[in-house]
C-alpha atoms as a PDB file:
ATOM      1  CA  MET A   1      67.585  30.883  31.351  1.00  0.00           C
ATOM      2  CA  ASN A   2      66.585  28.937  28.271  1.00  0.00           C
ATOM      3  CA  PRO A   3      63.110  30.349  27.405  1.00  0.00           C
ATOM      4  CA  VAL A   4      61.642  26.878  26.940  1.00  0.00           C
ATOM      5  CA  LEU A   5      62.811  25.738  30.378  1.00  0.00           C
ATOM      6  CA  ASP A   6      61.625  28.994  31.898  1.00  0.00           C
ATOM      7  CA  LEU A   7      58.167  28.549  30.400  1.00  0.00           C
ATOM      8  CA  ILE A   8      57.951  24.945  31.563  1.00  0.00           C
ATOM      9  CA  GLU A   9      58.247  26.025  35.172  1.00  0.00           C
ATOM     10  CA  SER A  10      56.592  29.441  35.036  1.00  0.00           C
ATOM     11  CA  PHE A  11      53.183  28.104  36.116  1.00  0.00           C
ATOM     12  CA  ARG A  12      54.834  26.739  39.246  1.00  0.00           C
ATOM     13  CA  ARG A  13      55.926  30.209  40.291  1.00  0.00           C
ATOM     14  CA  SER A  14      52.389  31.524  39.833  1.00  0.00           C
ATOM     15  CA  GLN A  15      50.947  28.699  41.902  1.00  0.00           C
ATOM     16  CA  VAL A  16      53.343  29.414  44.763  1.00  0.00           C
ATOM     17  CA  MET A  17      51.962  32.938  45.048  1.00  0.00           C
ATOM     18  CA  PHE A  18      48.360  31.827  44.441  1.00  0.00           C
ATOM     19  CA  THR A  19      48.628  29.226  47.198  1.00  0.00           C
ATOM     20  CA  ALA A  20      50.276  31.556  49.692  1.00  0.00           C
ATOM     21  CA  VAL A  21      47.544  34.178  49.174  1.00  0.00           C
ATOM     22  CA  HIS A  22      44.793  31.544  49.316  1.00  0.00           C
ATOM     23  CA  LEU A  23      46.131  30.156  52.599  1.00  0.00           C
ATOM     24  CA  GLY A  24      46.514  33.629  54.105  1.00  0.00           C
ATOM     25  CA  VAL A  25      50.299  33.355  54.513  1.00  0.00           C
ATOM     26  CA  PHE A  26      50.998  36.991  53.693  1.00  0.00           C
ATOM     27  CA  ASP A  27      48.283  38.180  56.059  1.00  0.00           C
ATOM     28  CA  LEU A  28      50.195  36.445  58.862  1.00  0.00           C
ATOM     29  CA  LEU A  29      53.648  37.649  57.924  1.00  0.00           C
ATOM     30  CA  SER A  30      53.370  41.390  58.305  1.00  0.00           C
ATOM     31  CA  THR A  31      55.385  40.541  61.401  1.00  0.00           C
ATOM     32  CA  GLY A  32      58.005  37.821  61.586  1.00  0.00           C
ATOM     33  CA  HIS A  33      57.042  34.213  62.319  1.00  0.00           C
ATOM     34  CA  THR A  34      58.722  30.829  62.129  1.00  0.00           C
ATOM     35  CA  ALA A  35      57.560  28.144  59.719  1.00  0.00           C
ATOM     36  CA  ALA A  36      56.159  26.219  62.669  1.00  0.00           C
ATOM     37  CA  ALA A  37      54.068  29.197  63.764  1.00  0.00           C
ATOM     38  CA  VAL A  38      52.751  29.724  60.237  1.00  0.00           C
ATOM     39  CA  ALA A  39      51.947  26.021  59.821  1.00  0.00           C
ATOM     40  CA  ASN A  40      50.051  26.065  63.087  1.00  0.00           C
ATOM     41  CA  ARG A  41      48.053  29.165  62.137  1.00  0.00           C
ATOM     42  CA  ILE A  42      47.052  27.859  58.702  1.00  0.00           C
ATOM     43  CA  ALA A  43      46.562  24.246  59.912  1.00  0.00           C
ATOM     44  CA  ALA A  44      49.114  22.840  57.483  1.00  0.00           C
ATOM     45  CA  ASP A  45      51.957  20.314  57.408  1.00  0.00           C
ATOM     46  CA  LEU A  46      55.201  21.818  58.768  1.00  0.00           C
ATOM     47  CA  ARG A  47      57.566  20.423  56.120  1.00  0.00           C
ATOM     48  CA  ALA A  48      55.253  21.453  53.285  1.00  0.00           C
ATOM     49  CA  THR A  49      54.753  24.906  54.809  1.00  0.00           C
ATOM     50  CA  GLU A  50      58.495  25.418  55.007  1.00  0.00           C
ATOM     51  CA  LEU A  51      58.847  24.424  51.337  1.00  0.00           C
ATOM     52  CA  LEU A  52      56.200  26.980  50.389  1.00  0.00           C
ATOM     53  CA  LEU A  53      57.747  29.739  52.496  1.00  0.00           C
ATOM     54  CA  ASP A  54      61.247  29.133  51.173  1.00  0.00           C
ATOM     55  CA  ALA A  55      59.930  29.256  47.608  1.00  0.00           C
ATOM     56  CA  CYS A  56      58.308  32.612  48.429  1.00  0.00           C
ATOM     57  CA  VAL A  57      61.680  33.836  49.719  1.00  0.00           C
ATOM     58  CA  ASN A  58      63.325  32.844  46.444  1.00  0.00           C
ATOM     59  CA  LEU A  59      60.598  34.622  44.457  1.00  0.00           C
ATOM     60  CA  GLY A  60      61.140  37.854  46.389  1.00  0.00           C
ATOM     61  CA  LEU A  61      57.829  37.677  48.233  1.00  0.00           C
ATOM     62  CA  LEU A  62      59.272  36.949  51.689  1.00  0.00           C
ATOM     63  CA  THR A  63      62.516  37.512  53.557  1.00  0.00           C
ATOM     64  CA  LYS A  64      64.093  34.999  55.935  1.00  0.00           C
ATOM     65  CA  ALA A  65      66.389  35.736  58.858  1.00  0.00           C
ATOM     66  CA  ASP A  66      67.166  33.580  61.894  1.00  0.00           C
ATOM     67  CA  GLY A  67      64.453  31.133  60.871  1.00  0.00           C
ATOM     68  CA  ARG A  68      61.749  33.803  60.794  1.00  0.00           C
ATOM     69  CA  TYR A  69      59.843  34.833  57.690  1.00  0.00           C
ATOM     70  CA  ARG A  70      58.465  38.282  56.906  1.00  0.00           C
ATOM     71  CA  ASN A  71      56.731  39.894  53.936  1.00  0.00           C
ATOM     72  CA  SER A  72      58.811  41.726  51.372  1.00  0.00           C
ATOM     73  CA  PRO A  73      57.612  45.282  50.618  1.00  0.00           C
ATOM     74  CA  ASP A  74      55.898  44.093  47.414  1.00  0.00           C
ATOM     75  CA  ALA A  75      54.093  41.260  49.190  1.00  0.00           C
ATOM     76  CA  GLN A  76      52.997  43.572  51.995  1.00  0.00           C
ATOM     77  CA  ARG A  77      51.666  46.052  49.443  1.00  0.00           C
ATOM     78  CA  TYR A  78      49.971  43.712  46.978  1.00  0.00           C
ATOM     79  CA  CYS A  79      49.390  40.308  48.628  1.00  0.00           C
ATOM     80  CA  THR A  80      47.859  41.175  52.012  1.00  0.00           C
ATOM     81  CA  ARG A  81      44.105  41.610  52.068  1.00  0.00           C
ATOM     82  CA  SER A  82      44.315  44.605  54.421  1.00  0.00           C
ATOM     83  CA  SER A  83      46.492  46.706  52.103  1.00  0.00           C
ATOM     84  CA  PRO A  84      44.647  49.547  50.346  1.00  0.00           C
ATOM     85  CA  GLU A  85      46.566  48.590  47.171  1.00  0.00           C
ATOM     86  CA  THR A  86      45.980  44.870  47.488  1.00  0.00           C
ATOM     87  CA  LEU A  87      45.915  42.628  44.435  1.00  0.00           C
ATOM     88  CA  ALA A  88      44.754  39.675  46.539  1.00  0.00           C
ATOM     89  CA  GLY A  89      41.341  39.735  44.846  1.00  0.00           C
ATOM     90  CA  TYR A  90      42.884  39.557  41.388  1.00  0.00           C
ATOM     91  CA  ILE A  91      45.273  36.835  42.531  1.00  0.00           C
ATOM     92  CA  LEU A  92      42.379  34.760  43.887  1.00  0.00           C
ATOM     93  CA  TYR A  93      40.326  35.424  40.735  1.00  0.00           C
ATOM     94  CA  SER A  94      43.316  34.196  38.718  1.00  0.00           C
ATOM     95  CA  ARG A  95      43.592  31.091  40.881  1.00  0.00           C
ATOM     96  CA  ASP A  96      39.918  30.233  41.110  1.00  0.00           C
ATOM     97  CA  VAL A  97      38.706  31.248  37.632  1.00  0.00           C
ATOM     98  CA  LEU A  98      41.374  32.100  35.064  1.00  0.00           C
ATOM     99  CA  TRP A  99      43.622  29.161  35.946  1.00  0.00           C
ATOM    100  CA  HIS A 100      40.828  26.743  35.072  1.00  0.00           C
ATOM    101  CA  LEU A 101      39.747  28.597  31.922  1.00  0.00           C
ATOM    102  CA  TRP A 102      43.321  28.645  30.623  1.00  0.00           C
ATOM    103  CA  ALA A 103      43.544  24.872  31.079  1.00  0.00           C
ATOM    104  CA  ASN A 104      41.139  24.731  28.118  1.00  0.00           C
ATOM    105  CA  LEU A 105      43.099  27.159  25.918  1.00  0.00           C
ATOM    106  CA  PRO A 106      43.626  24.507  23.195  1.00  0.00           C
ATOM    107  CA  ASP A 107      39.861  24.258  22.713  1.00  0.00           C
ATOM    108  CA  ALA A 108      39.509  28.047  22.817  1.00  0.00           C
ATOM    109  CA  VAL A 109      42.041  28.296  19.984  1.00  0.00           C
ATOM    110  CA  ARG A 110      40.368  25.531  17.975  1.00  0.00           C
ATOM    111  CA  GLU A 111      36.868  26.945  18.370  1.00  0.00           C
ATOM    112  CA  GLY A 112      37.612  30.673  18.782  1.00  0.00           C
ATOM    113  CA  SER A 113      35.325  31.070  21.786  1.00  0.00           C
ATOM    114  CA  HIS A 114      35.443  31.397  25.564  1.00  0.00           C
ATOM    115  CA  ARG A 115      35.513  28.375  27.857  1.00  0.00           C
ATOM    116  CA  TRP A 116      32.878  29.115  30.522  1.00  0.00           C
ATOM    117  CA  SER A 117      30.511  26.313  29.570  1.00  0.00           C
ATOM    118  CA  GLN A 118      33.305  23.765  29.223  1.00  0.00           C
ATOM    119  CA  THR A 119      35.055  24.758  32.432  1.00  0.00           C
ATOM    120  CA  PHE A 120      32.257  25.635  34.834  1.00  0.00           C
ATOM    121  CA  GLN A 121      29.200  24.001  33.237  1.00  0.00           C
ATOM    122  CA  VAL A 122      27.336  27.301  32.904  1.00  0.00           C
ATOM    123  CA  ASP A 123      25.044  28.380  30.095  1.00  0.00           C
ATOM    124  CA  SER A 124      27.377  29.616  27.363  1.00  0.00           C
ATOM    125  CA  SER A 125      24.659  31.932  26.002  1.00  0.00           C
ATOM    126  CA  ALA A 126      24.236  33.753  29.327  1.00  0.00           C
ATOM    127  CA  ASP A 127      26.044  36.939  30.294  1.00  0.00           C
ATOM    128  CA  ILE A 128      29.430  35.788  31.618  1.00  0.00           C
ATOM    129  CA  PHE A 129      29.334  38.445  34.331  1.00  0.00           C
ATOM    130  CA  ARG A 130      26.524  36.529  35.997  1.00  0.00           C
ATOM    131  CA  HIS A 131      29.184  33.989  36.966  1.00  0.00           C
ATOM    132  CA  PHE A 132      31.324  36.714  38.543  1.00  0.00           C
ATOM    133  CA  PHE A 133      28.343  38.053  40.476  1.00  0.00           C
ATOM    134  CA  ARG A 134      26.623  34.762  41.388  1.00  0.00           C
ATOM    135  CA  THR A 135      27.264  35.244  45.125  1.00  0.00           C
ATOM    136  CA  PRO A 136      28.245  38.239  47.275  1.00  0.00           C
ATOM    137  CA  GLU A 137      31.614  36.562  47.865  1.00  0.00           C
ATOM    138  CA  SER A 138      32.348  36.014  44.167  1.00  0.00           C
ATOM    139  CA  LEU A 139      31.271  39.583  43.364  1.00  0.00           C
ATOM    140  CA  GLN A 140      33.594  40.947  46.043  1.00  0.00           C
ATOM    141  CA  THR A 141      36.533  38.814  44.883  1.00  0.00           C
ATOM    142  CA  PHE A 142      36.060  39.931  41.274  1.00  0.00           C
ATOM    143  CA  GLN A 143      35.496  43.608  42.058  1.00  0.00           C
ATOM    144  CA  GLN A 144      38.339  43.812  44.555  1.00  0.00           C
ATOM    145  CA  GLY A 145      40.548  42.168  41.944  1.00  0.00           C
ATOM    146  CA  MET A 146      39.555  44.787  39.382  1.00  0.00           C
ATOM    147  CA  HIS A 147      39.996  47.503  42.020  1.00  0.00           C
ATOM    148  CA  GLY A 148      43.544  46.489  42.886  1.00  0.00           C
ATOM    149  CA  PHE A 149      44.469  46.224  39.240  1.00  0.00           C
ATOM    150  CA  GLY A 150      42.769  49.544  38.526  1.00  0.00           C
ATOM    151  CA  LEU A 151      44.796  51.344  41.184  1.00  0.00           C
ATOM    152  CA  LEU A 152      47.913  50.498  39.169  1.00  0.00           C
ATOM    153  CA  SER A 153      46.626  52.378  36.124  1.00  0.00           C
ATOM    154  CA  SER A 154      43.782  54.795  36.870  1.00  0.00           C
ATOM    155  CA  PRO A 155      45.980  57.663  38.157  1.00  0.00           C
ATOM    156  CA  GLN A 156      48.117  57.498  35.000  1.00  0.00           C
ATOM    157  CA  VAL A 157      45.091  57.200  32.713  1.00  0.00           C
ATOM    158  CA  VAL A 158      43.351  60.315  34.080  1.00  0.00           C
ATOM    159  CA  ALA A 159      46.646  62.247  33.934  1.00  0.00           C
ATOM    160  CA  ALA A 160      47.355  61.278  30.318  1.00  0.00           C
ATOM    161  CA  PHE A 161      45.312  64.148  28.860  1.00  0.00           C
ATOM    162  CA  ASP A 162      44.175  67.621  29.880  1.00  0.00           C
ATOM    163  CA  LEU A 163      40.686  67.117  31.288  1.00  0.00           C
ATOM    164  CA  THR A 164      40.081  70.735  32.271  1.00  0.00           C
ATOM    165  CA  PRO A 165      37.616  71.307  29.372  1.00  0.00           C
ATOM    166  CA  PHE A 166      35.218  68.732  30.847  1.00  0.00           C
ATOM    167  CA  THR A 167      32.843  69.151  33.775  1.00  0.00           C
ATOM    168  CA  HIS A 168      31.384  65.691  34.500  1.00  0.00           C
ATOM    169  CA  LEU A 169      33.102  62.325  34.068  1.00  0.00           C
ATOM    170  CA  CYS A 170      30.845  59.264  34.104  1.00  0.00           C
ATOM    171  CA  ASP A 171      32.651  55.940  34.243  1.00  0.00           C
ATOM    172  CA  LEU A 172      30.644  53.228  32.481  1.00  0.00           C
ATOM    173  CA  GLY A 173      31.041  49.898  34.240  1.00  0.00           C
ATOM    174  CA  GLY A 174      33.394  51.425  36.769  1.00  0.00           C
ATOM    175  CA  GLY A 175      33.083  48.786  39.488  1.00  0.00           C
ATOM    176  CA  THR A 176      34.403  50.087  42.784  1.00  0.00           C
ATOM    177  CA  GLY A 177      34.862  53.628  41.447  1.00  0.00           C
ATOM    178  CA  HIS A 178      38.665  53.698  41.373  1.00  0.00           C
ATOM    179  CA  LEU A 179      38.811  55.704  38.127  1.00  0.00           C
ATOM    180  CA  PRO A 180      36.365  58.441  39.235  1.00  0.00           C
ATOM    181  CA  ALA A 181      38.302  58.684  42.511  1.00  0.00           C
ATOM    182  CA  ALA A 182      41.566  59.085  40.609  1.00  0.00           C
ATOM    183  CA  ALA A 183      39.932  61.645  38.310  1.00  0.00           C
ATOM    184  CA  ILE A 184      38.791  63.990  41.064  1.00  0.00           C
ATOM    185  CA  ALA A 185      42.125  63.622  42.837  1.00  0.00           C
ATOM    186  CA  ARG A 186      43.880  64.831  39.665  1.00  0.00           C
ATOM    187  CA  TRP A 187      41.131  67.196  38.400  1.00  0.00           C
ATOM    188  CA  PRO A 188      39.212  68.531  41.455  1.00  0.00           C
ATOM    189  CA  HIS A 189      36.835  70.590  39.311  1.00  0.00           C
ATOM    190  CA  LEU A 190      35.220  67.463  37.872  1.00  0.00           C
ATOM    191  CA  GLN A 191      31.932  65.998  38.948  1.00  0.00           C
ATOM    192  CA  VAL A 192      32.129  62.215  38.759  1.00  0.00           C
ATOM    193  CA  SER A 193      29.743  59.280  38.659  1.00  0.00           C
ATOM    194  CA  ASN A 194      29.944  55.541  38.162  1.00  0.00           C
ATOM    195  CA  PHE A 195      27.276  53.805  36.039  1.00  0.00           C
ATOM    196  CA  ASP A 196      27.234  50.078  36.756  1.00  0.00           C
ATOM    197  CA  LEU A 197      24.876  47.169  37.277  1.00  0.00           C
ATOM    198  CA  PRO A 198      22.581  47.501  40.310  1.00  0.00           C
ATOM    199  CA  VAL A 199      24.257  44.579  42.117  1.00  0.00           C
ATOM    200  CA  VAL A 200      27.627  46.339  41.799  1.00  0.00           C
ATOM    201  CA  VAL A 201      26.300  49.747  42.869  1.00  0.00           C
ATOM    202  CA  ASP A 202      24.629  48.139  45.883  1.00  0.00           C
ATOM    203  CA  ALA A 203      28.019  46.777  46.948  1.00  0.00           C
ATOM    204  CA  TYR A 204      30.018  49.924  46.047  1.00  0.00           C
ATOM    205  CA  PRO A 205      27.609  52.878  46.240  1.00  0.00           C
ATOM    206  CA  GLN A 206      30.125  55.754  46.096  1.00  0.00           C
ATOM    207  CA  TYR A 207      29.498  57.763  42.905  1.00  0.00           C
ATOM    208  CA  GLY A 208      27.070  54.991  41.896  1.00  0.00           C
ATOM    209  CA  ILE A 209      24.216  55.172  39.407  1.00  0.00           C
ATOM    210  CA  PRO A 210      22.601  51.780  38.715  1.00  0.00           C
ATOM    211  CA  GLY A 211      22.046  50.651  35.149  1.00  0.00           C
ATOM    212  CA  ASP A 212      23.231  48.626  32.156  1.00  0.00           C
ATOM    213  CA  PHE A 213      25.198  50.603  29.581  1.00  0.00           C
ATOM    214  CA  PHE A 214      23.961  48.368  26.759  1.00  0.00           C
ATOM    215  CA  THR A 215      20.231  48.570  27.520  1.00  0.00           C
ATOM    216  CA  ASP A 216      19.606  51.689  29.658  1.00  0.00           C
ATOM    217  CA  PRO A 217      19.927  55.402  28.825  1.00  0.00           C
ATOM    218  CA  LEU A 218      23.326  56.760  29.808  1.00  0.00           C
ATOM    219  CA  PRO A 219      23.481  59.363  32.599  1.00  0.00           C
ATOM    220  CA  PRO A 220      24.210  62.900  31.354  1.00  0.00           C
ATOM    221  CA  ALA A 221      27.937  63.700  31.194  1.00  0.00           C
ATOM    222  CA  ASP A 222      30.357  65.474  28.893  1.00  0.00           C
ATOM    223  CA  LEU A 223      33.115  62.905  29.433  1.00  0.00           C
ATOM    224  CA  TYR A 224      32.435  59.185  29.535  1.00  0.00           C
ATOM    225  CA  ALA A 225      35.081  56.651  30.525  1.00  0.00           C
ATOM    226  CA  LEU A 226      35.471  52.980  29.634  1.00  0.00           C
ATOM    227  CA  GLY A 227      38.094  51.181  31.700  1.00  0.00           C
ATOM    228  CA  ARG A 228      38.777  47.590  30.623  1.00  0.00           C
ATOM    229  CA  ILE A 229      35.312  47.386  29.072  1.00  0.00           C
ATOM    230  CA  LEU A 230      35.781  47.337  25.300  1.00  0.00           C
ATOM    231  CA  HIS A 231      38.162  44.382  25.436  1.00  0.00           C
ATOM    232  CA  ASP A 232      35.340  42.242  26.860  1.00  0.00           C
ATOM    233  CA  TRP A 233      33.103  42.453  23.809  1.00  0.00           C
ATOM    234  CA  SER A 234      32.867  41.488  20.153  1.00  0.00           C
ATOM    235  CA  THR A 235      33.377  44.143  17.495  1.00  0.00           C
ATOM    236  CA  PRO A 236      29.618  44.505  16.767  1.00  0.00           C
ATOM    237  CA  LYS A 237      28.894  45.145  20.451  1.00  0.00           C
ATOM    238  CA  VAL A 238      31.803  47.605  20.673  1.00  0.00           C
ATOM    239  CA  GLU A 239      30.426  49.441  17.645  1.00  0.00           C
ATOM    240  CA  LEU A 240      26.969  49.542  19.255  1.00  0.00           C
ATOM    241  CA  LEU A 241      28.308  50.903  22.543  1.00  0.00           C
ATOM    242  CA  LEU A 242      30.533  53.541  20.928  1.00  0.00           C
ATOM    243  CA  ALA A 243      27.654  54.785  18.773  1.00  0.00           C
ATOM    244  CA  LYS A 244      25.431  55.007  21.863  1.00  0.00           C
ATOM    245  CA  ILE A 245      28.072  56.980  23.772  1.00  0.00           C
ATOM    246  CA  HIS A 246      28.624  59.337  20.837  1.00  0.00           C
ATOM    247  CA  ALA A 247      24.886  60.007  20.590  1.00  0.00           C
ATOM    248  CA  ALA A 248      24.648  60.719  24.330  1.00  0.00           C
ATOM    249  CA  LEU A 249      27.541  63.196  24.430  1.00  0.00           C
ATOM    250  CA  PRO A 250      27.039  66.942  23.997  1.00  0.00           C
ATOM    251  CA  PRO A 251      29.056  68.724  21.296  1.00  0.00           C
ATOM    252  CA  HIS A 252      32.781  68.703  22.111  1.00  0.00           C
ATOM    253  CA  GLY A 253      32.258  65.975  24.687  1.00  0.00           C
ATOM    254  CA  GLY A 254      34.803  63.218  25.094  1.00  0.00           C
ATOM    255  CA  LEU A 255      35.386  59.542  25.680  1.00  0.00           C
ATOM    256  CA  LEU A 256      38.333  58.344  27.775  1.00  0.00           C
ATOM    257  CA  ILE A 257      39.310  54.712  27.190  1.00  0.00           C
ATOM    258  CA  ALA A 258      41.681  52.663  29.355  1.00  0.00           C
ATOM    259  CA  GLU A 259      42.921  49.466  27.708  1.00  0.00           C
ATOM    260  CA  ALA A 260      46.189  47.622  27.107  1.00  0.00           C
ATOM    261  CA  LEU A 261      47.211  48.647  23.596  1.00  0.00           C
ATOM    262  CA  LEU A 262      48.746  46.107  21.250  1.00  0.00           C
ATOM    263  CA  ASP A 263      51.565  47.177  18.961  1.00  0.00           C
ATOM    264  CA  ASP A 264      50.442  47.902  15.431  1.00  0.00           C
ATOM    265  CA  ASP A 265      51.799  44.538  14.203  1.00  0.00           C
ATOM    266  CA  HIS A 266      50.200  42.677  17.163  1.00  0.00           C
ATOM    267  CA  THR A 267      53.492  41.090  18.297  1.00  0.00           C
ATOM    268  CA  GLY A 268      53.713  42.975  21.587  1.00  0.00           C
ATOM    269  CA  PRO A 269      53.792  44.145  24.260  1.00  0.00           C
ATOM    270  CA  ARG A 270      53.755  40.777  26.001  1.00  0.00           C
ATOM    271  CA  PRO A 271      51.242  41.708  28.756  1.00  0.00           C
ATOM    272  CA  ALA A 272      48.753  42.922  26.145  1.00  0.00           C
ATOM    273  CA  LEU A 273      49.254  39.800  24.025  1.00  0.00           C
ATOM    274  CA  LEU A 274      48.694  37.501  26.994  1.00  0.00           C
ATOM    275  CA  GLN A 275      45.685  39.545  28.055  1.00  0.00           C
ATOM    276  CA  SER A 276      44.252  39.106  24.568  1.00  0.00           C
ATOM    277  CA  LEU A 277      44.527  35.339  24.972  1.00  0.00           C
ATOM    278  CA  ASN A 278      42.935  35.776  28.387  1.00  0.00           C
ATOM    279  CA  MET A 279      40.014  37.528  26.720  1.00  0.00           C
ATOM    280  CA  LEU A 280      39.750  34.601  24.304  1.00  0.00           C
ATOM    281  CA  THR A 281      39.320  32.130  27.169  1.00  0.00           C
ATOM    282  CA  CYS A 282      36.889  34.154  29.268  1.00  0.00           C
ATOM    283  CA  THR A 283      35.029  36.703  27.098  1.00  0.00           C
ATOM    284  CA  GLU A 284      33.968  37.329  23.518  1.00  0.00           C
ATOM    285  CA  GLY A 285      36.535  40.123  23.164  1.00  0.00           C
ATOM    286  CA  ARG A 286      40.235  40.796  22.648  1.00  0.00           C
ATOM    287  CA  GLU A 287      42.868  43.491  22.971  1.00  0.00           C
ATOM    288  CA  ARG A 288      43.322  45.904  20.072  1.00  0.00           C
ATOM    289  CA  SER A 289      45.955  48.232  18.640  1.00  0.00           C
ATOM    290  CA  PHE A 290      45.545  51.995  18.513  1.00  0.00           C
ATOM    291  CA  PRO A 291      44.795  51.988  14.753  1.00  0.00           C
ATOM    292  CA  GLU A 292      41.995  49.491  15.418  1.00  0.00           C
ATOM    293  CA  TYR A 293      40.500  51.672  18.170  1.00  0.00           C
ATOM    294  CA  GLN A 294      40.954  54.741  15.987  1.00  0.00           C
ATOM    295  CA  ALA A 295      38.994  53.096  13.175  1.00  0.00           C
ATOM    296  CA  LEU A 296      36.190  52.041  15.531  1.00  0.00           C
ATOM    297  CA  LEU A 297      35.949  55.487  17.116  1.00  0.00           C
ATOM    298  CA  THR A 298      36.051  57.319  13.786  1.00  0.00           C
ATOM    299  CA  ALA A 299      33.323  55.072  12.414  1.00  0.00           C
ATOM    300  CA  ALA A 300      31.202  55.961  15.473  1.00  0.00           C
ATOM    301  CA  GLY A 301      31.595  59.683  14.680  1.00  0.00           C
ATOM    302  CA  PHE A 302      34.441  60.667  17.018  1.00  0.00           C
ATOM    303  CA  THR A 303      37.261  62.990  15.986  1.00  0.00           C
ATOM    304  CA  GLN A 304      40.637  64.000  17.436  1.00  0.00           C
ATOM    305  CA  VAL A 305      41.413  60.464  18.571  1.00  0.00           C
ATOM    306  CA  THR A 306      44.680  60.430  20.523  1.00  0.00           C
ATOM    307  CA  ALA A 307      46.526  57.634  22.321  1.00  0.00           C
ATOM    308  CA  HIS A 308      49.005  57.791  25.190  1.00  0.00           C
ATOM    309  CA  ARG A 309      51.092  54.879  26.451  1.00  0.00           C
ATOM    310  CA  THR A 310      51.129  55.408  30.193  1.00  0.00           C
ATOM    311  CA  GLY A 311      53.810  52.932  31.300  1.00  0.00           C
ATOM    312  CA  ALA A 312      51.144  51.396  33.565  1.00  0.00           C
ATOM    313  CA  PRO A 313      49.269  48.163  32.763  1.00  0.00           C
ATOM    314  CA  LEU A 314      46.613  50.174  30.906  1.00  0.00           C
ATOM    315  CA  ASP A 315      47.116  52.815  28.242  1.00  0.00           C
ATOM    316  CA  ALA A 316      44.804  55.738  27.488  1.00  0.00           C
ATOM    317  CA  ILE A 317      42.838  56.972  24.490  1.00  0.00           C
ATOM    318  CA  LEU A 318      40.865  60.221  24.300  1.00  0.00           C
ATOM    319  CA  ALA A 319      38.303  60.823  21.557  1.00  0.00           C
ATOM    320  CA  ARG A 320      36.247  63.984  21.038  1.00  0.00           C
ATOM    321  CA  LYS A 321      32.815  64.523  19.549  1.00  0.00           C
END
């Protein structure tokens, strides 16, 4: 298809999936149902429901046979809330938050700053994560979104390097604990912990140690991890955090970073480029290339900085003290 025409309609495809997840369509269609049955269950117009379901069939999210609709394997795996690998939280976060922030991308480009105040009328000087955690429901939606996305990458990230020299991995800002769980599944000798804000640890206590990695002392560990953390922050804050981690590590300790790496010339890969624009609209950070991370880590005192492209949404970097 002509790329311009494809881009004109691409947001429509996203909204089909967003709407179907929001309405609970995929949660109903683990077993086959007619459009009339679905419309009745979600209290929706029959003709409009059928239009939505047929669009989901065309997008590969549903199958249709004898007038009955059923989830495709991908929809069953990623779009139903009951699936252990669900991305429903991230889909709803995209619909309810990112969609609106991206509507103000022109102003983000003009001003070079995130759009929280403009979009949601919140204090632009406040920590943006307060918006994510403003209610138990919003915290759960955000964390479950990060969890589902993390399951796509954490097993590959912890397998990217030999972690046998380390004894204790502490994930900084680890949310639900998906990376520590993947680490002990791959490296059973490891002790693991998850250092995150008290409100997050209260909701997801497994491996949890409450605290703020910017303001509180870091728990003892010989391997720290940062999964989708550095891309949230400005370069001065990244420099501050890396220096703090380096100071807290014992000799020969390590730092494992999970981020989407840009190509050296910053023209790809596409998911990393689009994520960098996403960071522009909703944080003070951006995605970076490996040479940029290497320079930051070297300046903080790290040595033996190595990158590995995992083939998953997030790549891996290991730095040693």
